[in-house]
Amino acid sequence: MIPSMELDDAVAALAKGQVIAVPTDTVYGVAASLARPEAIATLFSLKRRPTSVALPVLVDSIEQIEACGVAWPPSARQLSEVLWPGPLTIVVPVPGPLAALVGGTTQSAGFRIPDDPRVRAILAESGPLCVTSANSHGEPPCQNASQVRAAFETSASLAGIVDGGERAGTVSTVVQLSDTTWRILRQGAIDERVIAAILGDAGEITQ
């Protein structure tokens, strides 16, 4: 049986290059340290996720994003100041090596600050984490620890679960930003109209 973990155990496991399950403000996710490429490879395998589908990155602050060599553009700052922490993943241009590390086929990656105290406490200690929904690729995301155990019971790659109780089950909205435009890649918890009210209608960014 996949064991439950306290926060200190979770941070230690991530530092050793292990993959764990964590609660976010949307659904449960499986997580690997951005600093451990071998753990990210394990995460792709555990999820049966195509390596051409980039993993999102959870952070505790914009400073953690910038420490990865990412220039946080004004449009991203507009969104993050209003909607973070919360269920919005913001996709921006990133250096090529970072994009390749998370599985991107273009020089971009998605970032999010989640609105959950447990995972934020982990992020503050571990640094950025690749975190994607806890399920096999294409299956519904898990909403509690029991579902995570059922989904991965035959895998030896999941070191443990931080149990945060029931999650809402609505995934984050994913918005991609360029210099002058934006578009929704995945509709989720935040309505497109909320983003339009901040950045401008019709996918055009107003500065």
N, C-alpha and C. Protein backbone atom coordinates (compact mmCIF):
# COMPACT_ATOMS: atom_id res chain seq x y z
N MET A 1 0.84 -1.20 0.00
CA MET A 1 0.00 0.00 0.00
C MET A 1 0.88 1.25 0.00
N ILE A 2 0.50 2.23 -0.79
CA ILE A 2 1.27 3.47 -0.87
C ILE A 2 1.09 4.24 0.44
N PRO A 3 2.18 4.59 1.14
CA PRO A 3 2.05 5.19 2.46
C PRO A 3 1.66 6.67 2.42
N SER A 4 1.06 7.13 3.52
CA SER A 4 0.84 8.56 3.70
C SER A 4 2.13 9.20 4.17
N MET A 5 2.28 10.50 3.86
CA MET A 5 3.50 11.23 4.21
C MET A 5 3.16 12.52 4.93
N GLU A 6 3.98 12.89 5.91
CA GLU A 6 3.93 14.22 6.48
C GLU A 6 4.73 15.16 5.57
N LEU A 7 4.61 16.46 5.81
CA LEU A 7 5.23 17.43 4.91
C LEU A 7 6.76 17.29 4.88
N ASP A 8 7.38 17.08 6.04
CA ASP A 8 8.84 16.94 6.07
C ASP A 8 9.29 15.72 5.28
N ASP A 9 8.54 14.63 5.39
CA ASP A 9 8.86 13.42 4.63
C ASP A 9 8.73 13.67 3.13
N ALA A 10 7.71 14.44 2.76
CA ALA A 10 7.50 14.74 1.35
C ALA A 10 8.66 15.55 0.78
N VAL A 11 9.10 16.56 1.51
CA VAL A 11 10.22 17.38 1.05
C VAL A 11 11.48 16.53 0.91
N ALA A 12 11.72 15.65 1.88
CA ALA A 12 12.90 14.78 1.82
C ALA A 12 12.83 13.83 0.64
N ALA A 13 11.66 13.28 0.37
CA ALA A 13 11.50 12.36 -0.76
C ALA A 13 11.76 13.07 -2.08
N LEU A 14 11.24 14.26 -2.23
CA LEU A 14 11.46 15.02 -3.45
C LEU A 14 12.94 15.33 -3.65
N ALA A 15 13.63 15.68 -2.59
CA ALA A 15 15.05 15.99 -2.68
C ALA A 15 15.87 14.77 -3.10
N LYS A 16 15.38 13.57 -2.76
CA LYS A 16 16.07 12.33 -3.15
C LYS A 16 15.72 11.89 -4.56
N GLY A 17 14.85 12.64 -5.26
CA GLY A 17 14.49 12.28 -6.62
C GLY A 17 13.33 11.33 -6.71
N GLN A 18 12.51 11.28 -5.68
CA GLN A 18 11.33 10.42 -5.71
C GLN A 18 10.10 11.20 -6.18
N VAL A 19 9.10 10.47 -6.62
CA VAL A 19 7.82 11.04 -7.05
C VAL A 19 6.79 10.80 -5.96
N ILE A 20 6.04 11.84 -5.61
CA ILE A 20 5.01 11.72 -4.58
C ILE A 20 3.70 12.30 -5.10
N ALA A 21 2.63 12.04 -4.37
CA ALA A 21 1.32 12.62 -4.68
C ALA A 21 1.00 13.69 -3.65
N VAL A 22 0.45 14.80 -4.13
CA VAL A 22 0.13 15.93 -3.24
C VAL A 22 -1.26 16.47 -3.57
N PRO A 23 -1.93 17.06 -2.57
CA PRO A 23 -3.18 17.74 -2.85
C PRO A 23 -2.90 19.15 -3.35
N THR A 24 -3.62 19.60 -4.35
CA THR A 24 -3.55 20.99 -4.76
C THR A 24 -4.91 21.62 -4.49
N ASP A 25 -5.09 22.84 -4.95
CA ASP A 25 -6.39 23.50 -4.76
C ASP A 25 -7.42 23.05 -5.77
N THR A 26 -7.03 22.18 -6.71
CA THR A 26 -7.97 21.70 -7.73
C THR A 26 -8.19 20.20 -7.59
N VAL A 27 -7.15 19.42 -7.89
CA VAL A 27 -7.21 17.96 -7.79
C VAL A 27 -5.91 17.48 -7.14
N TYR A 28 -5.78 16.16 -6.93
CA TYR A 28 -4.50 15.62 -6.48
C TYR A 28 -3.54 15.57 -7.66
N GLY A 29 -2.27 15.81 -7.36
CA GLY A 29 -1.26 15.75 -8.39
C GLY A 29 -0.14 14.82 -8.00
N VAL A 30 0.63 14.38 -9.00
CA VAL A 30 1.87 13.66 -8.75
C VAL A 30 3.01 14.62 -9.07
N ALA A 31 4.02 14.63 -8.20
CA ALA A 31 5.01 15.69 -8.21
C ALA A 31 6.43 15.15 -8.26
N ALA A 32 7.30 15.90 -8.95
CA ALA A 32 8.73 15.61 -9.00
C ALA A 32 9.48 16.93 -8.97
N SER A 33 10.65 16.93 -8.36
CA SER A 33 11.44 18.15 -8.27
C SER A 33 11.96 18.56 -9.65
N LEU A 34 11.84 19.85 -9.96
CA LEU A 34 12.38 20.37 -11.21
C LEU A 34 13.90 20.23 -11.24
N ALA A 35 14.51 20.11 -10.08
CA ALA A 35 15.97 19.97 -10.00
C ALA A 35 16.46 18.54 -10.19
N ARG A 36 15.52 17.59 -10.36
CA ARG A 36 15.90 16.18 -10.48
C ARG A 36 15.35 15.61 -11.79
N PRO A 37 16.13 15.72 -12.88
CA PRO A 37 15.65 15.23 -14.19
C PRO A 37 15.21 13.77 -14.18
N GLU A 38 15.89 12.94 -13.37
CA GLU A 38 15.51 11.52 -13.35
C GLU A 38 14.13 11.33 -12.73
N ALA A 39 13.77 12.21 -11.79
CA ALA A 39 12.44 12.13 -11.20
C ALA A 39 11.37 12.58 -12.20
N ILE A 40 11.70 13.57 -13.01
CA ILE A 40 10.76 14.02 -14.04
C ILE A 40 10.52 12.91 -15.05
N ALA A 41 11.57 12.18 -15.42
CA ALA A 41 11.41 11.04 -16.33
C ALA A 41 10.52 9.97 -15.70
N THR A 42 10.69 9.73 -14.40
CA THR A 42 9.83 8.77 -13.70
C THR A 42 8.39 9.24 -13.71
N LEU A 43 8.19 10.54 -13.57
CA LEU A 43 6.83 11.09 -13.57
C LEU A 43 6.13 10.85 -14.90
N PHE A 44 6.82 11.07 -16.00
CA PHE A 44 6.25 10.79 -17.32
C PHE A 44 5.86 9.32 -17.41
N SER A 45 6.73 8.43 -16.95
CA SER A 45 6.47 7.00 -17.03
C SER A 45 5.29 6.61 -16.15
N LEU A 46 5.25 7.14 -14.92
CA LEU A 46 4.17 6.82 -13.99
C LEU A 46 2.81 7.21 -14.56
N LYS A 47 2.77 8.36 -15.20
CA LYS A 47 1.52 8.88 -15.76
C LYS A 47 1.16 8.26 -17.11
N ARG A 48 2.10 7.53 -17.70
CA ARG A 48 1.95 7.07 -19.08
C ARG A 48 1.66 8.26 -19.99
N ARG A 49 2.34 9.35 -19.70
CA ARG A 49 2.13 10.61 -20.40
C ARG A 49 3.12 10.72 -21.55
N PRO A 50 2.66 11.05 -22.76
CA PRO A 50 3.61 11.25 -23.87
C PRO A 50 4.65 12.30 -23.51
N THR A 51 5.91 12.05 -23.83
CA THR A 51 6.96 12.98 -23.46
C THR A 51 6.90 14.27 -24.27
N SER A 52 6.01 14.33 -25.27
CA SER A 52 5.82 15.56 -26.03
C SER A 52 4.76 16.47 -25.41
N VAL A 53 4.10 16.02 -24.33
CA VAL A 53 3.09 16.83 -23.63
C VAL A 53 3.74 17.40 -22.38
N ALA A 54 4.02 18.70 -22.39
CA ALA A 54 4.83 19.32 -21.34
C ALA A 54 4.15 19.24 -19.97
N LEU A 55 4.96 19.09 -18.95
CA LEU A 55 4.47 19.09 -17.57
C LEU A 55 4.40 20.53 -17.05
N PRO A 56 3.33 20.89 -16.34
CA PRO A 56 3.27 22.20 -15.70
C PRO A 56 4.18 22.24 -14.47
N VAL A 57 4.52 23.46 -14.06
CA VAL A 57 5.42 23.66 -12.92
C VAL A 57 4.69 24.46 -11.85
N LEU A 58 4.65 23.92 -10.62
CA LEU A 58 4.09 24.65 -9.49
C LEU A 58 5.22 25.34 -8.74
N VAL A 59 4.95 26.57 -8.29
CA VAL A 59 5.93 27.36 -7.56
C VAL A 59 5.25 28.02 -6.37
N ASP A 60 6.08 28.56 -5.47
CA ASP A 60 5.56 29.28 -4.32
C ASP A 60 5.62 30.79 -4.50
N SER A 61 6.33 31.25 -5.54
CA SER A 61 6.48 32.69 -5.76
C SER A 61 6.95 32.94 -7.18
N ILE A 62 6.77 34.16 -7.65
CA ILE A 62 7.30 34.53 -8.96
C ILE A 62 8.82 34.51 -8.93
N GLU A 63 9.41 34.79 -7.77
CA GLU A 63 10.87 34.73 -7.64
C GLU A 63 11.39 33.34 -7.97
N GLN A 64 10.64 32.30 -7.61
CA GLN A 64 11.06 30.94 -7.97
C GLN A 64 11.05 30.75 -9.49
N ILE A 65 10.09 31.36 -10.16
CA ILE A 65 10.04 31.28 -11.63
C ILE A 65 11.26 31.98 -12.23
N GLU A 66 11.52 33.19 -11.77
CA GLU A 66 12.62 33.97 -12.31
C GLU A 66 13.97 33.32 -12.02
N ALA A 67 14.06 32.58 -10.92
CA ALA A 67 15.30 31.87 -10.60
C ALA A 67 15.59 30.74 -11.60
N CYS A 68 14.56 30.34 -12.35
CA CYS A 68 14.74 29.32 -13.40
C CYS A 68 15.21 29.94 -14.71
N GLY A 69 15.49 31.25 -14.71
CA GLY A 69 15.93 31.93 -15.92
C GLY A 69 14.80 32.41 -16.80
N VAL A 70 13.59 32.48 -16.24
CA VAL A 70 12.41 32.88 -17.00
C VAL A 70 12.14 34.37 -16.78
N ALA A 71 11.94 35.11 -17.86
CA ALA A 71 11.53 36.51 -17.77
C ALA A 71 10.01 36.53 -17.66
N TRP A 72 9.50 37.01 -16.53
CA TRP A 72 8.06 37.02 -16.28
C TRP A 72 7.47 38.27 -16.93
N PRO A 73 6.73 38.11 -18.06
CA PRO A 73 6.31 39.28 -18.84
C PRO A 73 5.21 40.09 -18.15
N PRO A 74 5.00 41.34 -18.58
CA PRO A 74 3.98 42.19 -17.95
C PRO A 74 2.58 41.57 -17.96
N SER A 75 2.20 40.92 -19.05
CA SER A 75 0.86 40.33 -19.12
C SER A 75 0.71 39.21 -18.10
N ALA A 76 1.77 38.41 -17.90
CA ALA A 76 1.74 37.36 -16.88
C ALA A 76 1.66 37.97 -15.48
N ARG A 77 2.36 39.07 -15.28
CA ARG A 77 2.31 39.73 -13.97
C ARG A 77 0.91 40.27 -13.70
N GLN A 78 0.25 40.81 -14.75
CA GLN A 78 -1.12 41.28 -14.57
C GLN A 78 -2.03 40.16 -14.09
N LEU A 79 -1.93 39.00 -14.74
CA LEU A 79 -2.78 37.88 -14.36
C LEU A 79 -2.43 37.35 -12.98
N SER A 80 -1.14 37.17 -12.72
CA SER A 80 -0.73 36.55 -11.47
C SER A 80 -1.04 37.44 -10.27
N GLU A 81 -0.97 38.75 -10.45
CA GLU A 81 -1.29 39.64 -9.33
C GLU A 81 -2.75 39.54 -8.91
N VAL A 82 -3.62 39.23 -9.87
CA VAL A 82 -5.06 39.16 -9.58
C VAL A 82 -5.50 37.74 -9.23
N LEU A 83 -4.97 36.74 -9.92
CA LEU A 83 -5.54 35.39 -9.88
C LEU A 83 -4.66 34.35 -9.18
N TRP A 84 -3.49 34.73 -8.71
CA TRP A 84 -2.65 33.81 -7.94
C TRP A 84 -2.59 34.25 -6.49
N PRO A 85 -2.51 33.31 -5.56
CA PRO A 85 -2.60 31.86 -5.79
C PRO A 85 -4.00 31.46 -6.24
N GLY A 86 -4.06 30.48 -7.13
CA GLY A 86 -5.35 30.04 -7.64
C GLY A 86 -5.21 29.12 -8.84
N PRO A 87 -6.35 28.68 -9.39
CA PRO A 87 -6.36 27.64 -10.42
C PRO A 87 -6.17 28.18 -11.84
N LEU A 88 -5.05 28.88 -12.05
CA LEU A 88 -4.70 29.38 -13.37
C LEU A 88 -3.26 29.02 -13.68
N THR A 89 -3.04 28.28 -14.76
CA THR A 89 -1.70 27.96 -15.24
C THR A 89 -1.36 28.92 -16.37
N ILE A 90 -0.24 29.62 -16.23
CA ILE A 90 0.17 30.64 -17.20
C ILE A 90 1.36 30.12 -17.98
N VAL A 91 1.19 30.00 -19.30
CA VAL A 91 2.23 29.48 -20.18
C VAL A 91 2.96 30.65 -20.82
N VAL A 92 4.28 30.69 -20.63
CA VAL A 92 5.11 31.79 -21.13
C VAL A 92 6.35 31.22 -21.80
N PRO A 93 7.05 32.03 -22.61
CA PRO A 93 8.33 31.58 -23.18
C PRO A 93 9.36 31.32 -22.09
N VAL A 94 10.14 30.26 -22.30
CA VAL A 94 11.21 29.90 -21.35
C VAL A 94 12.45 29.49 -22.13
N PRO A 95 13.62 29.46 -21.47
CA PRO A 95 14.82 28.97 -22.15
C PRO A 95 14.65 27.55 -22.66
N GLY A 96 15.32 27.26 -23.77
CA GLY A 96 15.20 25.95 -24.38
C GLY A 96 15.47 24.77 -23.46
N PRO A 97 16.54 24.79 -22.66
CA PRO A 97 16.81 23.65 -21.78
C PRO A 97 15.68 23.40 -20.77
N LEU A 98 15.05 24.47 -20.26
CA LEU A 98 13.94 24.29 -19.33
C LEU A 98 12.74 23.68 -20.04
N ALA A 99 12.44 24.17 -21.24
CA ALA A 99 11.33 23.61 -22.01
C ALA A 99 11.54 22.13 -22.28
N ALA A 100 12.76 21.76 -22.66
CA ALA A 100 13.06 20.36 -22.94
C ALA A 100 12.94 19.51 -21.68
N LEU A 101 13.34 20.05 -20.53
CA LEU A 101 13.30 19.31 -19.27
C LEU A 101 11.88 18.91 -18.91
N VAL A 102 10.91 19.81 -19.14
CA VAL A 102 9.52 19.52 -18.77
C VAL A 102 8.74 18.87 -19.92
N GLY A 103 9.41 18.61 -21.04
CA GLY A 103 8.77 17.89 -22.13
C GLY A 103 8.13 18.76 -23.18
N GLY A 104 8.48 20.03 -23.21
CA GLY A 104 7.87 20.93 -24.19
C GLY A 104 8.44 20.74 -25.57
N THR A 105 7.59 20.86 -26.59
CA THR A 105 8.05 20.81 -27.97
C THR A 105 8.28 22.22 -28.52
N THR A 106 7.88 23.23 -27.78
CA THR A 106 8.20 24.62 -28.10
C THR A 106 8.90 25.22 -26.89
N GLN A 107 9.47 26.41 -27.04
CA GLN A 107 10.20 27.03 -25.94
C GLN A 107 9.23 27.78 -25.03
N SER A 108 8.38 26.98 -24.35
CA SER A 108 7.43 27.55 -23.40
C SER A 108 7.18 26.54 -22.29
N ALA A 109 6.64 27.05 -21.17
CA ALA A 109 6.27 26.18 -20.05
C ALA A 109 5.18 26.88 -19.26
N GLY A 110 4.38 26.09 -18.55
CA GLY A 110 3.28 26.62 -17.76
C GLY A 110 3.62 26.63 -16.28
N PHE A 111 3.24 27.73 -15.59
CA PHE A 111 3.53 27.90 -14.17
C PHE A 111 2.25 28.23 -13.42
N ARG A 112 2.25 27.87 -12.12
CA ARG A 112 1.09 28.17 -11.28
C ARG A 112 1.50 28.23 -9.82
N ILE A 113 0.92 29.17 -9.07
CA ILE A 113 1.00 29.18 -7.61
C ILE A 113 -0.34 28.66 -7.10
N PRO A 114 -0.37 27.49 -6.48
CA PRO A 114 -1.63 26.90 -6.04
C PRO A 114 -2.11 27.52 -4.73
N ASP A 115 -3.41 27.53 -4.55
CA ASP A 115 -4.01 28.08 -3.33
C ASP A 115 -4.31 26.95 -2.35
N ASP A 116 -3.24 26.31 -1.88
CA ASP A 116 -3.37 25.23 -0.91
C ASP A 116 -2.20 25.29 0.05
N PRO A 117 -2.45 25.37 1.36
CA PRO A 117 -1.35 25.58 2.30
C PRO A 117 -0.37 24.41 2.37
N ARG A 118 -0.84 23.19 2.17
CA ARG A 118 0.06 22.03 2.26
C ARG A 118 1.08 22.05 1.13
N VAL A 119 0.59 22.17 -0.09
CA VAL A 119 1.53 22.12 -1.20
C VAL A 119 2.39 23.38 -1.25
N ARG A 120 1.86 24.52 -0.80
CA ARG A 120 2.68 25.74 -0.73
C ARG A 120 3.81 25.57 0.29
N ALA A 121 3.53 24.91 1.40
CA ALA A 121 4.57 24.66 2.40
C ALA A 121 5.67 23.77 1.83
N ILE A 122 5.27 22.77 1.04
CA ILE A 122 6.26 21.90 0.39
C ILE A 122 7.08 22.70 -0.62
N LEU A 123 6.42 23.49 -1.45
CA LEU A 123 7.11 24.27 -2.47
C LEU A 123 8.11 25.25 -1.88
N ALA A 124 7.77 25.84 -0.74
CA ALA A 124 8.66 26.79 -0.10
C ALA A 124 9.99 26.13 0.29
N GLU A 125 9.95 24.83 0.58
CA GLU A 125 11.15 24.09 0.97
C GLU A 125 11.82 23.40 -0.22
N SER A 126 11.02 22.88 -1.13
CA SER A 126 11.56 22.04 -2.21
C SER A 126 12.00 22.83 -3.43
N GLY A 127 11.44 24.02 -3.61
CA GLY A 127 11.61 24.73 -4.86
C GLY A 127 10.58 24.24 -5.88
N PRO A 128 10.67 24.72 -7.13
CA PRO A 128 9.67 24.38 -8.15
C PRO A 128 9.51 22.88 -8.34
N LEU A 129 8.26 22.48 -8.58
CA LEU A 129 7.93 21.08 -8.80
C LEU A 129 7.15 20.92 -10.09
N CYS A 130 7.49 19.90 -10.86
CA CYS A 130 6.62 19.46 -11.94
C CYS A 130 5.47 18.70 -11.29
N VAL A 131 4.26 19.17 -11.47
CA VAL A 131 3.09 18.54 -10.85
C VAL A 131 1.99 18.43 -11.89
N THR A 132 1.54 17.22 -12.12
CA THR A 132 0.44 17.00 -13.04
C THR A 132 -0.61 16.13 -12.36
N SER A 133 -1.83 16.17 -12.85
CA SER A 133 -2.93 15.51 -12.15
C SER A 133 -2.64 14.03 -11.91
N ALA A 134 -3.07 13.55 -10.76
CA ALA A 134 -2.82 12.17 -10.34
C ALA A 134 -3.82 11.25 -11.02
N ASN A 135 -3.40 10.67 -12.12
CA ASN A 135 -4.21 9.73 -12.90
C ASN A 135 -3.35 9.26 -14.06
N SER A 136 -3.74 8.16 -14.67
CA SER A 136 -3.10 7.79 -15.93
C SER A 136 -3.53 8.79 -16.99
N HIS A 137 -2.65 9.04 -17.94
CA HIS A 137 -2.92 10.05 -18.97
C HIS A 137 -4.24 9.75 -19.68
N GLY A 138 -5.14 10.74 -19.69
CA GLY A 138 -6.43 10.59 -20.34
C GLY A 138 -7.55 10.13 -19.43
N GLU A 139 -7.22 9.73 -18.20
CA GLU A 139 -8.24 9.29 -17.24
C GLU A 139 -8.65 10.46 -16.34
N PRO A 140 -9.81 10.38 -15.66
CA PRO A 140 -10.23 11.46 -14.77
C PRO A 140 -9.24 11.66 -13.63
N PRO A 141 -8.99 12.91 -13.21
CA PRO A 141 -8.06 13.16 -12.12
C PRO A 141 -8.61 12.71 -10.78
N CYS A 142 -7.71 12.33 -9.88
CA CYS A 142 -8.09 11.85 -8.56
C CYS A 142 -8.44 13.03 -7.65
N GLN A 143 -9.48 12.81 -6.80
CA GLN A 143 -9.95 13.86 -5.92
C GLN A 143 -9.68 13.57 -4.44
N ASN A 144 -9.15 12.39 -4.12
CA ASN A 144 -8.78 12.09 -2.74
C ASN A 144 -7.67 11.04 -2.74
N ALA A 145 -7.11 10.82 -1.55
CA ALA A 145 -5.96 9.91 -1.43
C ALA A 145 -6.33 8.48 -1.79
N SER A 146 -7.54 8.06 -1.48
CA SER A 146 -7.96 6.69 -1.80
C SER A 146 -7.97 6.46 -3.31
N GLN A 147 -8.43 7.44 -4.05
CA GLN A 147 -8.43 7.32 -5.51
C GLN A 147 -7.00 7.27 -6.06
N VAL A 148 -6.09 8.04 -5.44
CA VAL A 148 -4.69 8.00 -5.87
C VAL A 148 -4.12 6.61 -5.65
N ARG A 149 -4.38 6.03 -4.49
CA ARG A 149 -3.86 4.68 -4.20
C ARG A 149 -4.42 3.67 -5.20
N ALA A 150 -5.70 3.79 -5.52
CA ALA A 150 -6.30 2.86 -6.48
C ALA A 150 -5.69 3.02 -7.87
N ALA A 151 -5.41 4.27 -8.26
CA ALA A 151 -4.88 4.53 -9.60
C ALA A 151 -3.46 4.02 -9.78
N PHE A 152 -2.67 4.02 -8.68
CA PHE A 152 -1.24 3.70 -8.80
C PHE A 152 -0.83 2.52 -7.93
N GLU A 153 -1.78 1.69 -7.54
CA GLU A 153 -1.48 0.60 -6.60
C GLU A 153 -0.50 -0.41 -7.17
N THR A 154 -0.44 -0.55 -8.48
CA THR A 154 0.47 -1.53 -9.08
C THR A 154 1.83 -0.94 -9.42
N SER A 155 2.02 0.35 -9.15
CA SER A 155 3.28 1.01 -9.49
C SER A 155 4.19 1.09 -8.27
N ALA A 156 5.48 0.88 -8.49
CA ALA A 156 6.46 1.03 -7.42
C ALA A 156 7.11 2.40 -7.47
N SER A 157 6.66 3.26 -8.38
CA SER A 157 7.32 4.55 -8.60
C SER A 157 6.79 5.67 -7.73
N LEU A 158 5.66 5.48 -7.06
CA LEU A 158 5.08 6.52 -6.23
C LEU A 158 5.48 6.27 -4.78
N ALA A 159 6.28 7.20 -4.22
CA ALA A 159 6.86 6.97 -2.89
C ALA A 159 5.87 7.17 -1.76
N GLY A 160 4.86 8.01 -1.97
CA GLY A 160 3.92 8.27 -0.90
C GLY A 160 2.92 9.35 -1.28
N ILE A 161 1.98 9.60 -0.36
CA ILE A 161 0.89 10.55 -0.60
C ILE A 161 0.78 11.49 0.59
N VAL A 162 0.71 12.80 0.30
CA VAL A 162 0.33 13.78 1.32
C VAL A 162 -1.19 13.88 1.27
N ASP A 163 -1.85 13.44 2.32
CA ASP A 163 -3.31 13.37 2.33
C ASP A 163 -3.88 14.71 2.79
N GLY A 164 -4.58 15.37 1.88
CA GLY A 164 -5.20 16.65 2.20
C GLY A 164 -6.71 16.61 2.16
N GLY A 165 -7.29 15.40 2.22
CA GLY A 165 -8.73 15.30 2.17
C GLY A 165 -9.27 15.42 0.76
N GLU A 166 -10.54 15.72 0.65
CA GLU A 166 -11.21 15.78 -0.66
C GLU A 166 -10.87 17.07 -1.39
N ARG A 167 -10.69 16.96 -2.69
CA ARG A 167 -10.43 18.11 -3.55
C ARG A 167 -11.65 18.39 -4.42
N ALA A 168 -11.74 19.59 -4.97
CA ALA A 168 -12.94 20.01 -5.71
C ALA A 168 -13.10 19.28 -7.03
N GLY A 169 -11.99 18.93 -7.68
CA GLY A 169 -12.08 18.16 -8.92
C GLY A 169 -12.09 18.96 -10.20
N THR A 170 -12.09 20.29 -10.13
CA THR A 170 -12.06 21.12 -11.33
C THR A 170 -10.62 21.52 -11.60
N VAL A 171 -10.12 21.20 -12.78
CA VAL A 171 -8.72 21.47 -13.11
C VAL A 171 -8.51 22.96 -13.34
N SER A 172 -7.24 23.37 -13.37
CA SER A 172 -6.92 24.77 -13.61
C SER A 172 -7.17 25.14 -15.07
N THR A 173 -7.49 26.41 -15.28
CA THR A 173 -7.52 26.97 -16.63
C THR A 173 -6.09 27.20 -17.08
N VAL A 174 -5.80 26.92 -18.35
CA VAL A 174 -4.46 27.12 -18.90
C VAL A 174 -4.53 28.21 -19.96
N VAL A 175 -3.75 29.27 -19.77
CA VAL A 175 -3.72 30.37 -20.74
C VAL A 175 -2.29 30.54 -21.24
N GLN A 176 -2.14 30.67 -22.55
CA GLN A 176 -0.82 30.87 -23.16
C GLN A 176 -0.67 32.33 -23.55
N LEU A 177 0.48 32.90 -23.22
CA LEU A 177 0.74 34.30 -23.49
C LEU A 177 1.88 34.46 -24.48
N SER A 178 1.73 35.41 -25.39
CA SER A 178 2.85 35.86 -26.22
C SER A 178 3.02 37.35 -25.96
N ASP A 179 3.81 38.03 -26.78
CA ASP A 179 4.04 39.45 -26.55
C ASP A 179 2.76 40.27 -26.66
N THR A 180 1.88 39.87 -27.58
CA THR A 180 0.71 40.72 -27.85
C THR A 180 -0.62 40.00 -27.78
N THR A 181 -0.62 38.67 -27.62
CA THR A 181 -1.88 37.93 -27.66
C THR A 181 -1.94 36.91 -26.53
N TRP A 182 -3.15 36.40 -26.31
CA TRP A 182 -3.33 35.31 -25.36
C TRP A 182 -4.38 34.37 -25.91
N ARG A 183 -4.32 33.12 -25.47
CA ARG A 183 -5.36 32.16 -25.86
C ARG A 183 -5.49 31.10 -24.78
N ILE A 184 -6.70 30.58 -24.66
CA ILE A 184 -6.97 29.52 -23.68
C ILE A 184 -6.61 28.17 -24.30
N LEU A 185 -5.73 27.45 -23.62
CA LEU A 185 -5.37 26.10 -24.05
C LEU A 185 -6.26 25.05 -23.41
N ARG A 186 -6.75 25.36 -22.20
CA ARG A 186 -7.67 24.45 -21.50
C ARG A 186 -8.59 25.27 -20.61
N GLN A 187 -9.89 25.09 -20.79
CA GLN A 187 -10.84 25.77 -19.92
C GLN A 187 -10.96 24.98 -18.62
N GLY A 188 -10.91 25.70 -17.51
CA GLY A 188 -11.01 25.05 -16.22
C GLY A 188 -11.75 25.91 -15.22
N ALA A 189 -11.17 26.05 -14.03
CA ALA A 189 -11.87 26.68 -12.92
C ALA A 189 -12.08 28.18 -13.11
N ILE A 190 -11.21 28.84 -13.87
CA ILE A 190 -11.34 30.28 -14.10
C ILE A 190 -11.89 30.52 -15.50
N ASP A 191 -13.00 31.25 -15.56
CA ASP A 191 -13.67 31.50 -16.82
C ASP A 191 -12.84 32.41 -17.72
N GLU A 192 -12.91 32.15 -19.02
CA GLU A 192 -12.19 32.96 -20.00
C GLU A 192 -12.54 34.44 -19.89
N ARG A 193 -13.78 34.74 -19.50
CA ARG A 193 -14.20 36.14 -19.40
C ARG A 193 -13.44 36.88 -18.29
N VAL A 194 -13.05 36.16 -17.26
CA VAL A 194 -12.26 36.77 -16.18
C VAL A 194 -10.90 37.20 -16.73
N ILE A 195 -10.29 36.34 -17.53
CA ILE A 195 -8.99 36.66 -18.13
C ILE A 195 -9.13 37.81 -19.12
N ALA A 196 -10.20 37.79 -19.91
CA ALA A 196 -10.44 38.86 -20.87
C ALA A 196 -10.61 40.21 -20.19
N ALA A 197 -11.21 40.21 -19.01
CA ALA A 197 -11.41 41.46 -18.28
C ALA A 197 -10.09 42.05 -17.81
N ILE A 198 -9.07 41.21 -17.64
CA ILE A 198 -7.75 41.67 -17.19
C ILE A 198 -6.86 42.03 -18.36
N LEU A 199 -6.84 41.19 -19.40
CA LEU A 199 -5.89 41.35 -20.50
C LEU A 199 -6.49 42.01 -21.74
N GLY A 200 -7.81 41.99 -21.86
CA GLY A 200 -8.44 42.54 -23.06
C GLY A 200 -9.14 41.45 -23.83
N ASP A 201 -10.18 41.82 -24.54
CA ASP A 201 -11.00 40.88 -25.29
C ASP A 201 -10.30 40.38 -26.54
N ALA A 202 -10.86 39.33 -27.11
CA ALA A 202 -10.48 38.79 -28.42
C ALA A 202 -9.03 38.34 -28.47
N GLY A 203 -8.49 38.00 -27.30
CA GLY A 203 -7.12 37.47 -27.28
C GLY A 203 -6.04 38.49 -27.50
N GLU A 204 -6.39 39.77 -27.52
CA GLU A 204 -5.37 40.81 -27.69
C GLU A 204 -5.04 41.40 -26.33
N ILE A 205 -3.77 41.49 -26.03
CA ILE A 205 -3.32 42.00 -24.74
C ILE A 205 -3.25 43.52 -24.80
N THR A 206 -3.91 44.15 -23.85
CA THR A 206 -3.84 45.62 -23.75
C THR A 206 -2.84 45.96 -22.67
N GLN A 207 -1.87 46.77 -23.01
CA GLN A 207 -0.81 47.13 -22.06
C GLN A 207 -1.20 48.34 -21.24
